[in-house]
Structures are given as structure tokens and as C-alpha cells.
PDB file of all heavy atoms in Angstrom:
ATOM      1  N   VAL A   1     116.492  96.978  77.628  1.00  0.00           N
ATOM      2  CA  VAL A   1     115.493  96.969  76.565  1.00  0.00           C
ATOM      3  C   VAL A   1     116.194  97.304  75.252  1.00  0.00           C
ATOM      4  O   VAL A   1     116.904  98.312  75.161  1.00  0.00           O
ATOM      5  CB  VAL A   1     114.377  98.011  76.842  1.00  0.00           C
ATOM      6  CG1 VAL A   1     113.378  98.051  75.691  1.00  0.00           C
ATOM      7  CG2 VAL A   1     113.681  97.709  78.163  1.00  0.00           C
ATOM      8  N   PHE A   2     116.017  96.456  74.250  1.00  0.00           N
ATOM      9  CA  PHE A   2     116.609  96.688  72.935  1.00  0.00           C
ATOM     10  C   PHE A   2     115.555  97.297  72.021  1.00  0.00           C
ATOM     11  O   PHE A   2     114.490  96.702  71.821  1.00  0.00           O
ATOM     12  CB  PHE A   2     117.113  95.376  72.327  1.00  0.00           C
ATOM     13  CG  PHE A   2     118.327  94.824  73.011  1.00  0.00           C
ATOM     14  CD1 PHE A   2     118.217  94.192  74.245  1.00  0.00           C
ATOM     15  CD2 PHE A   2     119.575  94.939  72.429  1.00  0.00           C
ATOM     16  CE1 PHE A   2     119.333  93.679  74.884  1.00  0.00           C
ATOM     17  CE2 PHE A   2     120.699  94.426  73.065  1.00  0.00           C
ATOM     18  CZ  PHE A   2     120.580  93.797  74.287  1.00  0.00           C
ATOM     19  N   VAL A   3     115.845  98.474  71.469  1.00  0.00           N
ATOM     20  CA  VAL A   3     114.912  99.161  70.576  1.00  0.00           C
ATOM     21  C   VAL A   3     115.519  99.206  69.174  1.00  0.00           C
ATOM     22  O   VAL A   3     116.645  99.661  68.989  1.00  0.00           O
ATOM     23  CB  VAL A   3     114.616 100.597  71.056  1.00  0.00           C
ATOM     24  CG1 VAL A   3     113.597 101.270  70.147  1.00  0.00           C
ATOM     25  CG2 VAL A   3     114.139 100.600  72.501  1.00  0.00           C
ATOM     26  N   SER A   4     114.755  98.714  68.193  1.00  0.00           N
ATOM     27  CA  SER A   4     115.162  98.790  66.790  1.00  0.00           C
ATOM     28  C   SER A   4     114.393  99.916  66.121  1.00  0.00           C
ATOM     29  O   SER A   4     113.223 100.133  66.432  1.00  0.00           O
ATOM     30  CB  SER A   4     114.839  97.484  66.055  1.00  0.00           C
ATOM     31  OG  SER A   4     115.611  96.447  66.575  1.00  0.00           O
ATOM     32  N   PHE A   5     115.058 100.611  65.219  1.00  0.00           N
ATOM     33  CA  PHE A   5     114.399 101.694  64.501  1.00  0.00           C
ATOM     34  C   PHE A   5     115.121 101.909  63.183  1.00  0.00           C
ATOM     35  O   PHE A   5     116.181 101.339  62.939  1.00  0.00           O
ATOM     36  CB  PHE A   5     114.384 102.982  65.338  1.00  0.00           C
ATOM     37  CG  PHE A   5     115.735 103.414  65.848  1.00  0.00           C
ATOM     38  CD1 PHE A   5     116.523 104.295  65.134  1.00  0.00           C
ATOM     39  CD2 PHE A   5     116.217 102.924  67.054  1.00  0.00           C
ATOM     40  CE1 PHE A   5     117.770 104.687  65.611  1.00  0.00           C
ATOM     41  CE2 PHE A   5     117.459 103.312  67.549  1.00  0.00           C
ATOM     42  CZ  PHE A   5     118.240 104.199  66.815  1.00  0.00           C
ATOM     43  N   VAL A   6     114.524 102.714  62.338  1.00  0.00           N
ATOM     44  CA  VAL A   6     115.138 103.053  61.056  1.00  0.00           C
ATOM     45  C   VAL A   6     115.561 104.513  61.115  1.00  0.00           C
ATOM     46  O   VAL A   6     114.760 105.382  61.473  1.00  0.00           O
ATOM     47  CB  VAL A   6     114.164 102.826  59.885  1.00  0.00           C
ATOM     48  CG1 VAL A   6     114.758 103.333  58.570  1.00  0.00           C
ATOM     49  CG2 VAL A   6     113.809 101.346  59.771  1.00  0.00           C
ATOM     50  N   VAL A   7     116.845 104.766  60.800  1.00  0.00           N
ATOM     51  CA  VAL A   7     117.292 106.137  60.605  1.00  0.00           C
ATOM     52  C   VAL A   7     117.038 106.418  59.123  1.00  0.00           C
ATOM     53  O   VAL A   7     117.674 105.834  58.250  1.00  0.00           O
ATOM     54  CB  VAL A   7     118.779 106.325  60.956  1.00  0.00           C
ATOM     55  CG1 VAL A   7     119.206 107.767  60.684  1.00  0.00           C
ATOM     56  CG2 VAL A   7     119.041 105.962  62.414  1.00  0.00           C
ATOM     57  N   ALA A   8     116.044 107.262  58.866  1.00  0.00           N
ATOM     58  CA  ALA A   8     115.629 107.536  57.490  1.00  0.00           C
ATOM     59  C   ALA A   8     116.663 108.381  56.753  1.00  0.00           C
ATOM     60  O   ALA A   8     117.570 108.957  57.365  1.00  0.00           O
ATOM     61  CB  ALA A   8     114.275 108.238  57.501  1.00  0.00           C
ATOM     62  N   LYS A   9     116.490 108.459  55.440  1.00  0.00           N
ATOM     63  CA  LYS A   9     117.388 109.251  54.586  1.00  0.00           C
ATOM     64  C   LYS A   9     117.522 110.682  55.068  1.00  0.00           C
ATOM     65  O   LYS A   9     118.551 111.315  54.878  1.00  0.00           O
ATOM     66  CB  LYS A   9     116.852 109.299  53.151  1.00  0.00           C
ATOM     67  CG  LYS A   9     116.813 107.990  52.442  1.00  0.00           C
ATOM     68  CD  LYS A   9     116.151 108.183  51.074  1.00  0.00           C
ATOM     69  CE  LYS A   9     115.886 106.851  50.427  1.00  0.00           C
ATOM     70  NZ  LYS A   9     115.246 106.997  49.123  1.00  0.00           N
ATOM     71  N   ASN A  10     116.442 111.210  55.683  1.00  0.00           N
ATOM     72  CA  ASN A  10     116.468 112.597  56.158  1.00  0.00           C
ATOM     73  C   ASN A  10     116.968 112.708  57.601  1.00  0.00           C
ATOM     74  O   ASN A  10     116.955 113.786  58.178  1.00  0.00           O
ATOM     75  CB  ASN A  10     115.074 113.221  56.025  1.00  0.00           C
ATOM     76  CG  ASN A  10     114.031 112.538  56.883  1.00  0.00           C
ATOM     77  OD1 ASN A  10     114.327 111.614  57.635  1.00  0.00           O
ATOM     78  ND2 ASN A  10     112.797 112.991  56.771  1.00  0.00           N
ATOM     79  N   GLY A  11     117.377 111.577  58.207  1.00  0.00           N
ATOM     80  CA  GLY A  11     117.918 111.600  59.563  1.00  0.00           C
ATOM     81  C   GLY A  11     116.882 111.412  60.661  1.00  0.00           C
ATOM     82  O   GLY A  11     117.229 111.354  61.829  1.00  0.00           O
ATOM     83  N   GLU A  12     115.609 111.307  60.269  1.00  0.00           N
ATOM     84  CA  GLU A  12     114.563 111.114  61.279  1.00  0.00           C
ATOM     85  C   GLU A  12     114.489 109.665  61.726  1.00  0.00           C
ATOM     86  O   GLU A  12     114.841 108.754  60.989  1.00  0.00           O
ATOM     87  CB  GLU A  12     113.197 111.541  60.715  1.00  0.00           C
ATOM     88  CG  GLU A  12     113.080 113.036  60.532  1.00  0.00           C
ATOM     89  CD  GLU A  12     111.725 113.458  59.980  1.00  0.00           C
ATOM     90  OE1 GLU A  12     110.858 112.584  59.764  1.00  0.00           O
ATOM     91  OE2 GLU A  12     111.549 114.664  59.764  1.00  0.00           O
ATOM     92  N   ILE A  13     114.003 109.475  62.962  1.00  0.00           N
ATOM     93  CA  ILE A  13     113.792 108.133  63.513  1.00  0.00           C
ATOM     94  C   ILE A  13     112.405 107.659  63.096  1.00  0.00           C
ATOM     95  O   ILE A  13     111.417 108.362  63.336  1.00  0.00           O
ATOM     96  CB  ILE A  13     113.866 108.162  65.062  1.00  0.00           C
ATOM     97  CG1 ILE A  13     115.196 108.724  65.545  1.00  0.00           C
ATOM     98  CG2 ILE A  13     113.582 106.785  65.644  1.00  0.00           C
ATOM     99  CD1 ILE A  13     116.373 107.850  65.334  1.00  0.00           C
ATOM    100  N   ASN A  14     112.333 106.483  62.473  1.00  0.00           N
ATOM    101  CA  ASN A  14     111.050 105.907  62.045  1.00  0.00           C
ATOM    102  C   ASN A  14     110.936 104.473  62.541  1.00  0.00           C
ATOM    103  O   ASN A  14     111.940 103.804  62.768  1.00  0.00           O
ATOM    104  CB  ASN A  14     110.943 105.879  60.510  1.00  0.00           C
ATOM    105  CG  ASN A  14     110.794 107.248  59.910  1.00  0.00           C
ATOM    106  OD1 ASN A  14     110.268 108.153  60.532  1.00  0.00           O
ATOM    107  ND2 ASN A  14     111.271 107.412  58.684  1.00  0.00           N
ATOM    108  N   ASP A  15     109.701 104.003  62.643  1.00  0.00           N
ATOM    109  CA  ASP A  15     109.404 102.587  62.891  1.00  0.00           C
ATOM    110  C   ASP A  15     110.104 102.017  64.125  1.00  0.00           C
ATOM    111  O   ASP A  15     110.560 100.873  64.106  1.00  0.00           O
ATOM    112  CB  ASP A  15     109.758 101.734  61.659  1.00  0.00           C
ATOM    113  CG  ASP A  15     108.989 102.163  60.419  1.00  0.00           C
ATOM    114  OD1 ASP A  15     107.879 102.704  60.577  1.00  0.00           O
ATOM    115  OD2 ASP A  15     109.494 101.970  59.308  1.00  0.00           O
ATOM    116  N   ALA A  16     110.188 102.796  65.206  1.00  0.00           N
ATOM    117  CA  ALA A  16     110.806 102.288  66.440  1.00  0.00           C
ATOM    118  C   ALA A  16     109.939 101.176  67.011  1.00  0.00           C
ATOM    119  O   ALA A  16     108.721 101.288  67.074  1.00  0.00           O
ATOM    120  CB  ALA A  16     110.983 103.412  67.451  1.00  0.00           C
ATOM    121  N   LYS A  17     110.588 100.067  67.380  1.00  0.00           N
ATOM    122  CA  LYS A  17     109.863  98.957  68.001  1.00  0.00           C
ATOM    123  C   LYS A  17     110.794  98.217  68.948  1.00  0.00           C
ATOM    124  O   LYS A  17     112.010  98.318  68.851  1.00  0.00           O
ATOM    125  CB  LYS A  17     109.282  98.017  66.950  1.00  0.00           C
ATOM    126  CG  LYS A  17     110.264  97.466  65.947  1.00  0.00           C
ATOM    127  CD  LYS A  17     109.510  96.649  64.883  1.00  0.00           C
ATOM    128  CE  LYS A  17     110.404  96.224  63.758  1.00  0.00           C
ATOM    129  NZ  LYS A  17     110.650  97.235  62.748  1.00  0.00           N
ATOM    130  N   ILE A  18     110.192  97.476  69.868  1.00  0.00           N
ATOM    131  CA  ILE A  18     110.963  96.721  70.851  1.00  0.00           C
ATOM    132  C   ILE A  18     111.492  95.454  70.187  1.00  0.00           C
ATOM    133  O   ILE A  18     110.715  94.630  69.698  1.00  0.00           O
ATOM    134  CB  ILE A  18     110.096  96.363  72.075  1.00  0.00           C
ATOM    135  CG1 ILE A  18     109.566  97.633  72.755  1.00  0.00           C
ATOM    136  CG2 ILE A  18     110.873  95.481  73.060  1.00  0.00           C
ATOM    137  CD1 ILE A  18     110.630  98.556  73.301  1.00  0.00           C
ATOM    138  N   ALA A  19     112.818  95.315  70.174  1.00  0.00           N
ATOM    139  CA  ALA A  19     113.432  94.096  69.645  1.00  0.00           C
ATOM    140  C   ALA A  19     113.492  93.039  70.740  1.00  0.00           C
ATOM    141  O   ALA A  19     113.300  91.849  70.492  1.00  0.00           O
ATOM    142  CB  ALA A  19     114.826  94.392  69.102  1.00  0.00           C
ATOM    143  N   ARG A  20     113.798  93.479  71.964  1.00  0.00           N
ATOM    144  CA  ARG A  20     113.766  92.594  73.124  1.00  0.00           C
ATOM    145  C   ARG A  20     113.380  93.437  74.334  1.00  0.00           C
ATOM    146  O   ARG A  20     114.080  94.384  74.685  1.00  0.00           O
ATOM    147  CB  ARG A  20     115.133  91.934  73.342  1.00  0.00           C
ATOM    148  CG  ARG A  20     115.036  90.780  74.350  1.00  0.00           C
ATOM    149  CD  ARG A  20     116.323  89.998  74.440  1.00  0.00           C
ATOM    150  NE  ARG A  20     117.160  90.607  75.458  1.00  0.00           N
ATOM    151  CZ  ARG A  20     118.479  90.612  75.432  1.00  0.00           C
ATOM    152  NH1 ARG A  20     119.130  90.068  74.446  1.00  0.00           N
ATOM    153  NH2 ARG A  20     119.159  91.163  76.404  1.00  0.00           N
ATOM    154  N   GLY A  21     112.274  93.095  74.944  1.00  0.00           N
ATOM    155  CA  GLY A  21     111.762  93.899  76.038  1.00  0.00           C
ATOM    156  C   GLY A  21     112.011  93.287  77.394  1.00  0.00           C
ATOM    157  O   GLY A  21     112.504  92.161  77.518  1.00  0.00           O
ATOM    158  N   VAL A  22     111.654  94.053  78.435  1.00  0.00           N
ATOM    159  CA  VAL A  22     111.812  93.613  79.823  1.00  0.00           C
ATOM    160  C   VAL A  22     110.459  93.599  80.514  1.00  0.00           C
ATOM    161  O   VAL A  22     110.038  92.597  81.059  1.00  0.00           O
ATOM    162  CB  VAL A  22     112.781  94.553  80.577  1.00  0.00           C
ATOM    163  CG1 VAL A  22     112.812  94.228  82.064  1.00  0.00           C
ATOM    164  CG2 VAL A  22     114.174  94.451  79.985  1.00  0.00           C
ATOM    165  N   HIS A  23     109.765  94.732  80.471  1.00  0.00           N
ATOM    166  CA  HIS A  23     108.487  94.921  81.156  1.00  0.00           C
ATOM    167  C   HIS A  23     107.745  96.009  80.371  1.00  0.00           C
ATOM    168  O   HIS A  23     108.386  96.942  79.886  1.00  0.00           O
ATOM    169  CB  HIS A  23     108.753  95.361  82.595  1.00  0.00           C
ATOM    170  CG  HIS A  23     107.513  95.632  83.390  1.00  0.00           C
ATOM    171  ND1 HIS A  23     106.873  96.854  83.363  1.00  0.00           N
ATOM    172  CD2 HIS A  23     106.807  94.842  84.231  1.00  0.00           C
ATOM    173  CE1 HIS A  23     105.810  96.802  84.162  1.00  0.00           C
ATOM    174  NE2 HIS A  23     105.750  95.600  84.691  1.00  0.00           N
ATOM    175  N   PRO A  24     106.422  95.912  80.256  1.00  0.00           N
ATOM    176  CA  PRO A  24     105.694  96.922  79.461  1.00  0.00           C
ATOM    177  C   PRO A  24     106.024  98.371  79.818  1.00  0.00           C
ATOM    178  O   PRO A  24     106.154  99.214  78.928  1.00  0.00           O
ATOM    179  CB  PRO A  24     104.221  96.597  79.739  1.00  0.00           C
ATOM    180  CG  PRO A  24     104.215  95.129  80.055  1.00  0.00           C
ATOM    181  CD  PRO A  24     105.519  94.858  80.767  1.00  0.00           C
ATOM    182  N   ALA A  25     106.182  98.673  81.103  1.00  0.00           N
ATOM    183  CA  ALA A  25     106.471 100.056  81.506  1.00  0.00           C
ATOM    184  C   ALA A  25     107.851 100.495  81.013  1.00  0.00           C
ATOM    185  O   ALA A  25     108.021 101.626  80.531  1.00  0.00           O
ATOM    186  CB  ALA A  25     106.383 100.202  83.027  1.00  0.00           C
ATOM    187  N   LEU A  26     108.843  99.615  81.123  1.00  0.00           N
ATOM    188  CA  LEU A  26     110.192  99.956  80.644  1.00  0.00           C
ATOM    189  C   LEU A  26     110.213 100.009  79.122  1.00  0.00           C
ATOM    190  O   LEU A  26     110.859 100.884  78.535  1.00  0.00           O
ATOM    191  CB  LEU A  26     111.225  98.951  81.153  1.00  0.00           C
ATOM    192  CG  LEU A  26     111.438  98.885  82.667  1.00  0.00           C
ATOM    193  CD1 LEU A  26     112.585  97.934  82.996  1.00  0.00           C
ATOM    194  CD2 LEU A  26     111.684 100.248  83.270  1.00  0.00           C
ATOM    195  N   ASN A  27     109.523  99.080  78.473  1.00  0.00           N
ATOM    196  CA  ASN A  27     109.476  99.059  77.007  1.00  0.00           C
ATOM    197  C   ASN A  27     108.879 100.365  76.478  1.00  0.00           C
ATOM    198  O   ASN A  27     109.410 100.968  75.541  1.00  0.00           O
ATOM    199  CB  ASN A  27     108.640  97.881  76.503  1.00  0.00           C
ATOM    200  CG  ASN A  27     109.211  96.537  76.913  1.00  0.00           C
ATOM    201  OD1 ASN A  27     110.323  96.438  77.438  1.00  0.00           O
ATOM    202  ND2 ASN A  27     108.444  95.490  76.684  1.00  0.00           N
ATOM    203  N   LYS A  28     107.790 100.802  77.101  1.00  0.00           N
ATOM    204  CA  LYS A  28     107.112 102.031  76.669  1.00  0.00           C
ATOM    205  C   LYS A  28     108.039 103.240  76.838  1.00  0.00           C
ATOM    206  O   LYS A  28     108.117 104.104  75.965  1.00  0.00           O
ATOM    207  CB  LYS A  28     105.821 102.208  77.484  1.00  0.00           C
ATOM    208  CG  LYS A  28     105.009 103.417  77.089  1.00  0.00           C
ATOM    209  CD  LYS A  28     103.728 103.498  77.923  1.00  0.00           C
ATOM    210  CE  LYS A  28     102.971 104.774  77.582  1.00  0.00           C
ATOM    211  NZ  LYS A  28     101.813 104.966  78.452  1.00  0.00           N
ATOM    212  N   GLU A  29     108.745 103.300  77.960  1.00  0.00           N
ATOM    213  CA  GLU A  29     109.667 104.410  78.213  1.00  0.00           C
ATOM    214  C   GLU A  29     110.824 104.395  77.219  1.00  0.00           C
ATOM    215  O   GLU A  29     111.232 105.435  76.709  1.00  0.00           O
ATOM    216  CB  GLU A  29     110.177 104.377  79.650  1.00  0.00           C
ATOM    217  CG  GLU A  29     111.192 105.450  79.992  1.00  0.00           C
ATOM    218  CD  GLU A  29     110.689 106.892  79.842  1.00  0.00           C
ATOM    219  OE1 GLU A  29     109.491 107.121  79.589  1.00  0.00           O
ATOM    220  OE2 GLU A  29     111.524 107.804  79.950  1.00  0.00           O
ATOM    221  N   ALA A  30     111.341 103.201  76.907  1.00  0.00           N
ATOM    222  CA  ALA A  30     112.442 103.087  75.935  1.00  0.00           C
ATOM    223  C   ALA A  30     111.995 103.606  74.561  1.00  0.00           C
ATOM    224  O   ALA A  30     112.729 104.345  73.898  1.00  0.00           O
ATOM    225  CB  ALA A  30     112.923 101.642  75.839  1.00  0.00           C
ATOM    226  N   LEU A  31     110.786 103.248  74.149  1.00  0.00           N
ATOM    227  CA  LEU A  31     110.262 103.738  72.861  1.00  0.00           C
ATOM    228  C   LEU A  31     110.084 105.255  72.890  1.00  0.00           C
ATOM    229  O   LEU A  31     110.417 105.949  71.921  1.00  0.00           O
ATOM    230  CB  LEU A  31     108.919 103.070  72.531  1.00  0.00           C
ATOM    231  CG  LEU A  31     108.996 101.651  72.001  1.00  0.00           C
ATOM    232  CD1 LEU A  31     107.593 101.068  71.858  1.00  0.00           C
ATOM    233  CD2 LEU A  31     109.726 101.588  70.671  1.00  0.00           C
TER     234      LEU A  31
END
């Protein structure tokens, strides 16, 4: 599962989303 996200200026993870998924259960766990 490929997860895309933004590392913000303050170092926090924002806007995580599935770039390429496998199965809803795995996608949800990856997020």
C-alpha cells in the first residue's frame, strides 16, 4: 500500500491518503 502525505513545516503529518491501495482493510491500517 502506497501512502502519500505532507510533512508540514512543523514536522507533523498532514493530508495522508492512499496513492495506491490493495484492499480497504489494508488501506485503512496503512493510513
